[in-house]
Amino acid sequence: MSRLFVVRSLVLVIYFICPMHVFSQSSSPVEPNFHLLPSPKPDRIILNLSENPLEELGVNWRTDTTVTVSHVEFTIATAGPEFRDHVQSRQAATETLISQQNEEPTIHANYHQVKLDGLKAGRSYVYRVGGGDFWSEWFQFTIPENDHEVNFLYFGDAQNEVVSMFSRVMREAIINLPKMDFTVYAGDLINHESSDFEWGGWFEAGQWIHASIPSMMTPGNHEFSKNPATLTPHWNAQFNLPTNGPKGLEETTYEVNYPELKIISLDGEQIDESVSYREAQMVWLRDILSKNPRKWTVITFHYPVYATAPDRYHDKMIDYIRPILQEFKVDLAIQGHDHAYARGRAFEENGKMDYKKGTVYVVSVAGPKMYEVKADDWMDRKAYGTQTYQWIQVKENVLRFKTYTATGELYDSFELHKDLDGENTLVNMTPLTPERLQSK
């Protein structure tokens, strides 16, 4: 009998006869989610956009609390393994998060974050995170060329059954489309704001995608506890987003700048719940838009201005945010919350609605939870019971937008053509396939 066989047998015996608390930081039975518990090996690794993503990206990861010092190693990618001889090492900033949700065990974990700076447009880089005997694999990412073209994905709410049902949408998008520069999530990434296992499921659904394609996310109502509305501590611990927004709204209200694209996240829950934070966001948004030299502006927020049924419009977004979008001719608003699909334009002036000009509003859903759809004048295309993902390309004077179903079928498409005066002409390129609507 070999020594290796004896060691393996002993490990199995210990695993099956010992109580689960030996392997976790709780005495609760957590066997189905054992793989989601922290360990010395880094997990939940994610790249996030910075304010200037052609020069800097953020990276975050998690370990258990035995790891108090962790590092990132990164360098320019090469065709062979020789890049390992030229790595830079950066020590991470580390914070401890203690989380507990309902019947879940109390989980102690350390989250580590680093800014990767000094990046150059058009170059590919490799990085890994960890230390000692516990390192991640090497991940690779590419900074876009500084040629005024940007391609990105947009997902509506994932929220429910994220591993089993949302994962196929994300993976189909990666398989079906050209390489994306980044990804936008329009809130409600999970269902229960402080459920560590649900957050673990979100990271599991994306796996290496989160670590290889930078992302930005805006918070939804399911990222907040209630009475009063309080952002889950998981948000700032596990993401590494810009802090260039109003004070107190760091990493929820912020801007990201490419050469010809400004993309902005607004904290819709605080617009809804807090007068002071609402006013702060309005002042900040007006200020950055009044000084915006970029050709294209895209804003993401969770609560939609126009929903997929007239009785689900969001009054505060209409009263406070829509006037700013109209005043500064924001090109595109990408939204979540309303679990269906709709796309169209709307512009109010002197109490009259014009559905042929103004910001293009899109509502989409990537997860399995669905709401009914009711036809409304602002909609050019709509869908019920349809998981989708969206590809947006900004290139020179054209913004191209394509919506695909979870099976990779093109469901909606349009282009915005911008003239020398900054005015947009919308060109509908909608497929001839019927709309997917609920039975009457």
Protein backbone atom coordinates (compact mmCIF):
# COMPACT_ATOMS: atom_id res chain seq x y z
CA MET A 1 0.00 0.00 0.00
CA SER A 2 1.53 3.33 -1.07
CA ARG A 3 2.12 6.23 1.30
CA LEU A 4 0.07 8.50 -1.02
CA PHE A 5 -2.92 6.14 -0.76
CA VAL A 6 -2.72 6.19 3.05
CA VAL A 7 -2.60 10.01 3.18
CA ARG A 8 -5.57 10.38 0.82
CA SER A 9 -7.60 7.83 2.78
CA LEU A 10 -6.87 9.62 6.05
CA VAL A 11 -8.03 12.95 4.60
CA LEU A 12 -11.30 11.39 3.45
CA VAL A 13 -11.92 9.77 6.83
CA ILE A 14 -11.33 13.07 8.66
CA TYR A 15 -13.65 14.91 6.25
CA PHE A 16 -16.57 12.53 6.69
CA ILE A 17 -16.35 11.90 10.43
CA CYS A 18 -15.57 15.44 11.63
CA PRO A 19 -18.35 17.99 12.15
CA MET A 20 -18.57 20.72 9.54
CA HIS A 21 -17.45 23.46 11.91
CA VAL A 22 -13.94 22.06 11.65
CA PHE A 23 -13.92 23.23 8.06
CA SER A 24 -15.79 26.52 8.50
CA GLN A 25 -16.07 29.41 10.88
CA SER A 26 -19.58 28.43 11.99
CA SER A 27 -21.25 25.49 13.67
CA SER A 28 -24.16 25.70 11.17
CA PRO A 29 -24.45 22.93 8.59
CA VAL A 30 -23.11 24.47 5.35
CA GLU A 31 -22.15 21.38 3.38
CA PRO A 32 -23.98 22.41 0.14
CA ASN A 33 -22.05 25.71 0.12
CA PHE A 34 -18.74 24.40 1.41
CA HIS A 35 -16.98 25.53 -1.77
CA LEU A 36 -18.10 29.14 -1.16
CA LEU A 37 -16.28 29.49 2.15
CA PRO A 38 -13.04 31.52 2.19
CA SER A 39 -9.68 29.78 2.30
CA PRO A 40 -6.03 30.87 2.03
CA LYS A 41 -6.29 30.55 -1.75
CA PRO A 42 -7.58 33.74 -3.40
CA ASP A 43 -11.10 33.67 -4.84
CA ARG A 44 -13.78 36.18 -5.96
CA ILE A 45 -11.19 37.88 -8.14
CA ILE A 46 -12.51 40.81 -10.15
CA LEU A 47 -11.21 43.64 -12.33
CA ASN A 48 -13.03 46.97 -12.05
CA LEU A 49 -12.88 50.10 -14.18
CA SER A 50 -11.20 53.21 -12.82
CA GLU A 51 -11.90 56.82 -13.67
CA ASN A 52 -9.27 56.57 -16.43
CA PRO A 53 -9.39 52.93 -17.59
CA LEU A 54 -6.78 53.32 -20.32
CA GLU A 55 -4.25 54.02 -17.55
CA GLU A 56 -5.49 52.21 -14.43
CA LEU A 57 -7.73 49.33 -13.33
CA GLY A 58 -8.72 48.05 -9.90
CA VAL A 59 -8.42 44.44 -8.82
CA ASN A 60 -10.06 42.80 -5.78
CA TRP A 61 -9.92 39.33 -4.27
CA ARG A 62 -10.86 37.43 -1.12
CA THR A 63 -9.11 35.06 1.28
CA ASP A 64 -9.79 33.78 4.76
CA THR A 65 -8.56 35.81 7.72
CA THR A 66 -5.34 33.82 8.13
CA VAL A 67 -4.03 35.81 5.14
CA THR A 68 -3.31 39.31 6.42
CA VAL A 69 -0.83 40.31 3.70
CA SER A 70 -1.51 39.63 0.03
CA HIS A 71 -0.01 40.83 -3.24
CA VAL A 72 -0.66 41.24 -6.92
CA GLU A 73 2.03 40.48 -9.49
CA PHE A 74 1.57 41.93 -12.98
CA THR A 75 3.45 42.75 -16.13
CA ILE A 76 3.10 43.06 -19.90
CA ALA A 77 1.93 39.81 -21.47
CA THR A 78 4.27 37.85 -23.73
CA ALA A 79 3.74 34.97 -26.13
CA GLY A 80 5.62 32.66 -23.80
CA PRO A 81 6.28 32.24 -20.07
CA GLU A 82 9.17 34.72 -20.02
CA PHE A 83 6.86 37.43 -18.63
CA ARG A 84 7.39 35.83 -15.21
CA ASP A 85 10.91 37.24 -15.15
CA HIS A 86 9.68 40.83 -15.28
CA VAL A 87 6.77 41.12 -12.84
CA GLN A 88 5.96 44.04 -10.60
CA SER A 89 4.65 43.25 -7.13
CA ARG A 90 2.18 45.42 -5.23
CA GLN A 91 0.95 44.83 -1.70
CA ALA A 92 -2.81 45.03 -1.34
CA ALA A 93 -4.85 47.10 1.06
CA THR A 94 -6.74 44.61 3.24
CA GLU A 95 -9.99 44.82 5.20
CA THR A 96 -11.94 42.24 7.16
CA LEU A 97 -15.63 41.67 6.45
CA ILE A 98 -17.83 39.78 8.90
CA SER A 99 -21.13 38.78 7.31
CA GLN A 100 -24.21 36.86 8.35
CA GLN A 101 -27.61 36.59 6.64
CA ASN A 102 -30.60 34.76 8.15
CA GLU A 103 -29.71 31.07 8.51
CA GLU A 104 -26.27 31.41 6.92
CA PRO A 105 -23.24 30.98 9.17
CA THR A 106 -21.20 33.96 10.27
CA ILE A 107 -18.33 34.25 7.81
CA HIS A 108 -15.07 36.10 8.43
CA ALA A 109 -13.08 36.98 5.31
CA ASN A 110 -10.35 39.34 4.24
CA TYR A 111 -10.77 41.36 1.06
CA HIS A 112 -7.72 42.73 -0.72
CA GLN A 113 -7.53 45.48 -3.33
CA VAL A 114 -4.87 47.08 -5.53
CA LYS A 115 -4.88 49.69 -8.28
CA LEU A 116 -2.94 48.56 -11.36
CA ASP A 117 -1.58 51.85 -12.67
CA GLY A 118 0.86 52.85 -15.38
CA LEU A 119 -1.10 50.87 -17.99
CA LYS A 120 -0.81 51.76 -21.68
CA ALA A 121 -3.52 51.78 -24.35
CA GLY A 122 -3.37 48.83 -26.75
CA ARG A 123 -1.23 46.61 -24.51
CA SER A 124 -2.09 43.25 -22.97
CA TYR A 125 -1.16 42.49 -19.38
CA VAL A 126 -1.05 39.45 -17.10
CA TYR A 127 -1.55 39.35 -13.35
CA ARG A 128 -2.05 36.97 -10.47
CA VAL A 129 -2.95 37.53 -6.82
CA GLY A 130 -1.98 35.84 -3.56
CA GLY A 131 1.25 35.00 -1.82
CA GLY A 132 3.36 32.18 -0.40
CA ASP A 133 1.92 28.80 -1.41
CA PHE A 134 -1.45 30.23 -2.43
CA TRP A 135 -1.62 32.06 -5.75
CA SER A 136 -4.34 32.39 -8.35
CA GLU A 137 -3.74 31.44 -11.93
CA TRP A 138 -2.41 34.13 -14.29
CA PHE A 139 -5.19 36.24 -15.80
CA GLN A 140 -4.82 38.29 -18.97
CA PHE A 141 -6.54 41.51 -20.04
CA THR A 142 -6.10 44.07 -22.80
CA ILE A 143 -6.36 47.86 -22.61
CA PRO A 144 -8.28 49.25 -25.64
CA GLU A 145 -6.43 51.15 -28.33
CA ASN A 146 -6.71 54.91 -27.98
CA ASP A 147 -8.63 55.12 -31.27
CA HIS A 148 -12.04 56.23 -30.00
CA GLU A 149 -13.65 52.78 -30.27
CA VAL A 150 -15.10 51.09 -27.21
CA ASN A 151 -17.17 47.88 -27.01
CA PHE A 152 -19.00 46.84 -23.87
CA LEU A 153 -21.67 44.49 -22.50
CA TYR A 154 -24.70 45.54 -20.49
CA PHE A 155 -26.68 43.19 -18.26
CA GLY A 156 -29.96 43.94 -16.51
CA ASP A 157 -30.84 42.29 -13.19
CA ALA A 158 -29.30 38.87 -12.52
CA GLN A 159 -30.73 38.67 -8.96
CA ASN A 160 -32.29 35.17 -8.73
CA GLU A 161 -30.86 31.70 -9.40
CA VAL A 162 -27.70 33.45 -10.47
CA VAL A 163 -25.47 30.39 -10.81
CA SER A 164 -28.00 28.15 -12.50
CA MET A 165 -29.84 30.67 -14.71
CA PHE A 166 -27.83 33.89 -15.19
CA SER A 167 -24.51 32.17 -15.85
CA ARG A 168 -25.60 30.88 -19.27
CA VAL A 169 -26.48 34.42 -20.37
CA MET A 170 -23.09 35.81 -19.42
CA ARG A 171 -21.23 32.88 -20.96
CA GLU A 172 -23.26 33.00 -24.18
CA ALA A 173 -22.40 36.68 -24.49
CA ILE A 174 -18.68 35.95 -24.18
CA ILE A 175 -18.88 33.08 -26.69
CA ASN A 176 -21.13 34.85 -29.19
CA LEU A 177 -19.58 38.34 -29.37
CA PRO A 178 -16.20 39.87 -30.19
CA LYS A 179 -13.91 40.65 -27.29
CA MET A 180 -15.45 43.23 -24.95
CA ASP A 181 -13.59 46.11 -23.29
CA PHE A 182 -15.77 46.06 -20.16
CA THR A 183 -19.13 45.03 -18.71
CA VAL A 184 -21.89 47.07 -17.04
CA TYR A 185 -24.31 45.61 -14.47
CA ALA A 186 -27.47 47.68 -13.89
CA GLY A 187 -28.04 46.64 -10.26
CA ASP A 188 -29.66 43.77 -8.34
CA LEU A 189 -26.72 41.49 -8.89
CA ILE A 190 -28.15 39.24 -6.16
CA ASN A 191 -31.41 38.97 -4.19
CA HIS A 192 -30.43 39.40 -0.51
CA GLU A 193 -27.92 42.17 0.03
CA SER A 194 -25.76 40.56 2.72
CA SER A 195 -26.05 36.92 1.75
CA ASP A 196 -22.44 35.88 1.40
CA PHE A 197 -23.41 32.67 -0.37
CA GLU A 198 -25.45 34.64 -2.94
CA TRP A 199 -22.46 36.88 -3.59
CA GLY A 200 -20.40 33.73 -3.91
CA GLY A 201 -22.87 32.51 -6.50
CA TRP A 202 -22.53 35.74 -8.48
CA PHE A 203 -18.77 35.33 -8.59
CA GLU A 204 -19.15 31.64 -9.42
CA ALA A 205 -21.40 32.47 -12.37
CA GLY A 206 -18.75 34.75 -13.84
CA GLN A 207 -15.62 32.88 -12.73
CA TRP A 208 -12.63 33.90 -14.88
CA ILE A 209 -14.75 36.41 -16.83
CA HIS A 210 -14.86 38.74 -13.82
CA ALA A 211 -11.08 38.51 -13.51
CA SER A 212 -10.34 39.06 -17.22
CA ILE A 213 -12.85 41.69 -18.44
CA PRO A 214 -13.11 44.86 -16.33
CA SER A 215 -16.56 45.69 -15.04
CA MET A 216 -18.56 48.46 -13.48
CA MET A 217 -21.80 48.10 -11.59
CA THR A 218 -24.49 50.38 -10.25
CA PRO A 219 -26.31 49.30 -7.10
CA GLY A 220 -29.94 48.16 -7.10
CA ASN A 221 -32.47 48.09 -4.31
CA HIS A 222 -31.47 44.49 -3.54
CA GLU A 223 -27.98 45.71 -2.64
CA PHE A 224 -29.53 47.70 0.24
CA SER A 225 -31.05 46.81 3.58
CA LYS A 226 -34.13 48.83 4.51
CA ASN A 227 -35.26 51.33 7.17
CA PRO A 228 -33.05 53.18 6.59
CA ALA A 229 -31.64 52.23 3.19
CA THR A 230 -28.09 51.04 3.86
CA LEU A 231 -25.70 49.71 1.23
CA THR A 232 -24.44 46.21 1.95
CA PRO A 233 -20.86 46.23 3.29
CA HIS A 234 -20.08 43.59 0.65
CA TRP A 235 -20.21 46.29 -2.04
CA ASN A 236 -17.20 48.37 -1.02
CA ALA A 237 -15.31 45.37 0.30
CA GLN A 238 -15.45 43.23 -2.84
CA PHE A 239 -15.46 45.88 -5.58
CA ASN A 240 -12.80 48.46 -6.41
CA LEU A 241 -14.77 51.17 -8.21
CA PRO A 242 -14.08 54.90 -8.70
CA THR A 243 -14.53 57.25 -5.75
CA ASN A 244 -14.92 60.44 -7.80
CA GLY A 245 -18.61 61.02 -7.05
CA PRO A 246 -20.34 62.95 -4.24
CA LYS A 247 -19.09 62.44 -0.71
CA GLY A 248 -20.77 59.46 0.93
CA LEU A 249 -21.59 57.84 -2.43
CA GLU A 250 -18.12 56.56 -3.25
CA GLU A 251 -18.20 53.49 -5.53
CA THR A 252 -21.94 53.89 -6.22
CA THR A 253 -22.10 57.29 -7.95
CA TYR A 254 -19.08 57.84 -10.16
CA GLU A 255 -17.81 58.51 -13.68
CA VAL A 256 -15.53 56.59 -16.05
CA ASN A 257 -13.85 58.34 -18.96
CA TYR A 258 -12.68 56.98 -22.30
CA PRO A 259 -11.41 59.33 -25.03
CA GLU A 260 -14.85 59.77 -26.62
CA LEU A 261 -17.14 58.14 -24.03
CA LYS A 262 -18.18 59.18 -20.55
CA ILE A 263 -20.12 56.50 -18.68
CA ILE A 264 -21.74 57.39 -15.37
CA SER A 265 -23.27 55.39 -12.52
CA LEU A 266 -25.99 56.94 -10.37
CA ASP A 267 -27.15 55.51 -7.03
CA GLY A 268 -30.86 55.06 -7.75
CA GLU A 269 -31.73 53.82 -4.27
CA GLN A 270 -30.34 56.99 -2.68
CA ILE A 271 -32.18 59.11 -5.25
CA ASP A 272 -35.34 57.35 -4.11
CA GLU A 273 -34.73 57.30 -0.37
CA SER A 274 -32.55 60.29 0.59
CA VAL A 275 -33.26 63.96 -0.17
CA SER A 276 -29.70 65.01 0.65
CA TYR A 277 -28.07 62.30 -1.47
CA ARG A 278 -30.56 62.95 -4.28
CA GLU A 279 -29.66 66.64 -4.32
CA ALA A 280 -25.95 65.84 -4.12
CA GLN A 281 -26.19 63.57 -7.14
CA MET A 282 -28.17 66.13 -9.13
CA VAL A 283 -25.60 68.88 -8.43
CA TRP A 284 -22.70 66.56 -9.21
CA LEU A 285 -24.30 65.23 -12.41
CA ARG A 286 -25.03 68.71 -13.74
CA ASP A 287 -21.49 69.77 -12.97
CA ILE A 288 -19.71 66.93 -14.76
CA LEU A 289 -22.08 67.05 -17.76
CA SER A 290 -21.62 70.82 -18.15
CA LYS A 291 -17.87 70.24 -18.48
CA ASN A 292 -18.07 67.13 -20.62
CA PRO A 293 -15.91 67.29 -23.77
CA ARG A 294 -16.66 63.72 -24.85
CA LYS A 295 -18.78 62.90 -27.86
CA TRP A 296 -20.89 60.18 -26.22
CA THR A 297 -22.51 59.97 -22.79
CA VAL A 298 -24.07 56.83 -21.31
CA ILE A 299 -25.65 56.73 -17.85
CA THR A 300 -26.59 53.63 -15.89
CA PHE A 301 -28.92 53.52 -12.89
CA HIS A 302 -31.19 50.87 -11.45
CA TYR A 303 -34.69 52.39 -11.21
CA PRO A 304 -35.92 53.06 -14.77
CA VAL A 305 -37.25 56.43 -15.83
CA TYR A 306 -39.67 54.63 -18.16
CA ALA A 307 -40.66 51.09 -17.23
CA THR A 308 -42.11 48.19 -19.21
CA ALA A 309 -45.59 49.01 -17.93
CA PRO A 310 -47.00 52.54 -17.45
CA ASP A 311 -47.96 51.85 -13.83
CA ARG A 312 -44.33 51.05 -12.98
CA TYR A 313 -42.76 54.38 -13.97
CA HIS A 314 -40.43 55.75 -11.29
CA ASP A 315 -41.65 59.20 -10.29
CA LYS A 316 -38.47 60.43 -8.63
CA MET A 317 -36.32 59.45 -11.63
CA ILE A 318 -38.78 61.28 -13.89
CA ASP A 319 -38.98 64.37 -11.68
CA TYR A 320 -35.31 64.76 -10.79
CA ILE A 321 -33.09 62.87 -13.23
CA ARG A 322 -34.94 63.02 -16.55
CA PRO A 323 -34.69 66.86 -16.80
CA ILE A 324 -30.91 66.63 -16.49
CA LEU A 325 -30.68 63.92 -19.15
CA GLN A 326 -32.76 66.08 -21.47
CA GLU A 327 -30.87 69.29 -20.75
CA PHE A 328 -27.48 67.78 -21.51
CA LYS A 329 -28.63 65.53 -24.36
CA VAL A 330 -27.48 62.29 -22.74
CA ASP A 331 -27.35 59.69 -25.49
CA LEU A 332 -28.28 56.47 -23.70
CA ALA A 333 -29.69 55.39 -20.32
CA ILE A 334 -29.24 51.70 -19.45
CA GLN A 335 -31.42 50.54 -16.57
CA GLY A 336 -32.58 47.55 -14.52
CA HIS A 337 -35.21 46.78 -11.85
CA ASP A 338 -38.16 46.20 -14.22
CA HIS A 339 -37.83 42.54 -15.18
CA ALA A 340 -38.64 42.71 -18.87
CA TYR A 341 -37.21 44.32 -22.00
CA ALA A 342 -38.09 47.64 -23.60
CA ARG A 343 -36.27 50.24 -25.68
CA GLY A 344 -37.28 53.63 -27.01
CA ARG A 345 -37.00 57.42 -26.76
CA ALA A 346 -39.01 60.02 -24.93
CA PHE A 347 -38.70 63.80 -24.49
CA GLU A 348 -41.08 66.00 -22.52
CA GLU A 349 -41.41 69.67 -23.32
CA ASN A 350 -44.12 72.01 -22.01
CA GLY A 351 -46.15 69.04 -20.88
CA LYS A 352 -46.11 67.35 -24.26
CA MET A 353 -44.31 64.12 -25.07
CA ASP A 354 -42.18 63.59 -28.16
CA TYR A 355 -41.19 59.97 -28.79
CA LYS A 356 -38.97 60.75 -31.78
CA LYS A 357 -36.15 62.55 -29.97
CA GLY A 358 -34.22 62.63 -26.74
CA THR A 359 -32.32 60.05 -24.70
CA VAL A 360 -32.69 56.40 -25.68
CA TYR A 361 -33.93 54.47 -22.62
CA VAL A 362 -33.39 50.72 -22.29
CA VAL A 363 -34.67 48.33 -19.62
CA SER A 364 -33.44 44.74 -19.66
CA VAL A 365 -33.26 41.63 -17.50
CA ALA A 366 -30.57 38.95 -17.56
CA GLY A 367 -31.90 36.64 -14.84
CA PRO A 368 -35.01 34.40 -14.78
CA LYS A 369 -37.40 36.56 -12.74
CA MET A 370 -39.92 38.15 -15.14
CA TYR A 371 -42.60 40.89 -15.08
CA GLU A 372 -45.45 41.34 -17.53
CA VAL A 373 -45.12 43.91 -20.33
CA LYS A 374 -47.73 46.50 -21.24
CA ALA A 375 -47.40 48.42 -24.50
CA ASP A 376 -46.58 52.10 -24.13
CA ASP A 377 -45.93 54.95 -26.55
CA TRP A 378 -42.23 55.28 -25.72
CA MET A 379 -41.39 51.69 -26.72
CA ASP A 380 -39.88 50.81 -30.10
CA ARG A 381 -39.25 47.19 -29.11
CA LYS A 382 -40.30 45.13 -26.09
CA ALA A 383 -40.18 41.58 -24.77
CA TYR A 384 -41.63 39.47 -21.98
CA GLY A 385 -40.08 36.38 -20.43
CA THR A 386 -36.78 36.90 -22.22
CA GLN A 387 -33.28 36.84 -20.73
CA THR A 388 -31.06 39.18 -22.72
CA TYR A 389 -27.63 40.73 -22.98
CA GLN A 390 -26.66 43.89 -24.84
CA TRP A 391 -23.62 44.83 -26.93
CA ILE A 392 -22.88 48.54 -27.22
CA GLN A 393 -20.19 49.94 -29.49
CA VAL A 394 -19.08 53.56 -29.62
CA LYS A 395 -16.97 54.37 -32.66
CA GLU A 396 -16.44 57.85 -34.07
CA ASN A 397 -19.86 59.36 -34.86
CA VAL A 398 -21.92 56.16 -34.41
CA LEU A 399 -23.24 54.36 -31.34
CA ARG A 400 -24.36 50.81 -32.21
CA PHE A 401 -26.65 48.86 -29.90
CA LYS A 402 -27.63 45.19 -30.21
CA THR A 403 -29.75 43.08 -27.89
CA TYR A 404 -29.42 39.29 -27.95
CA THR A 405 -31.49 36.62 -26.25
CA ALA A 406 -29.94 33.95 -24.03
CA THR A 407 -29.74 31.67 -27.08
CA GLY A 408 -27.70 34.21 -29.06
CA GLU A 409 -30.53 35.39 -31.31
CA LEU A 410 -30.44 39.06 -32.34
CA TYR A 411 -33.62 40.55 -30.87
CA ASP A 412 -33.20 44.32 -31.19
CA SER A 413 -30.79 46.70 -32.90
CA PHE A 414 -30.41 50.39 -33.58
CA GLU A 415 -27.76 53.00 -34.30
CA LEU A 416 -27.35 56.60 -33.21
CA HIS A 417 -25.61 58.85 -35.75
CA LYS A 418 -24.27 62.10 -34.29
CA ASP A 419 -23.92 65.17 -36.52
CA LEU A 420 -21.50 68.09 -36.16
CA ASP A 421 -23.95 69.93 -33.89
CA GLY A 422 -24.15 66.99 -31.50
CA GLU A 423 -27.67 66.00 -32.54
CA ASN A 424 -28.54 62.30 -32.91
CA THR A 425 -30.43 60.53 -35.65
CA LEU A 426 -31.79 57.14 -34.62
CA VAL A 427 -31.72 54.37 -37.24
CA ASN A 428 -33.89 51.41 -36.30
CA MET A 429 -32.44 48.08 -37.40
CA THR A 430 -34.93 45.88 -35.59
CA PRO A 431 -35.07 42.24 -36.77
CA LEU A 432 -38.25 41.08 -38.43
CA THR A 433 -38.79 38.36 -35.82
CA PRO A 434 -42.00 38.74 -33.76
CA GLU A 435 -41.87 40.29 -30.33
CA ARG A 436 -41.92 37.84 -27.44
CA LEU A 437 -45.00 38.81 -25.41
CA GLN A 438 -47.13 37.10 -22.80
CA SER A 439 -50.41 35.49 -23.80
CA LYS A 440 -53.44 37.70 -23.31
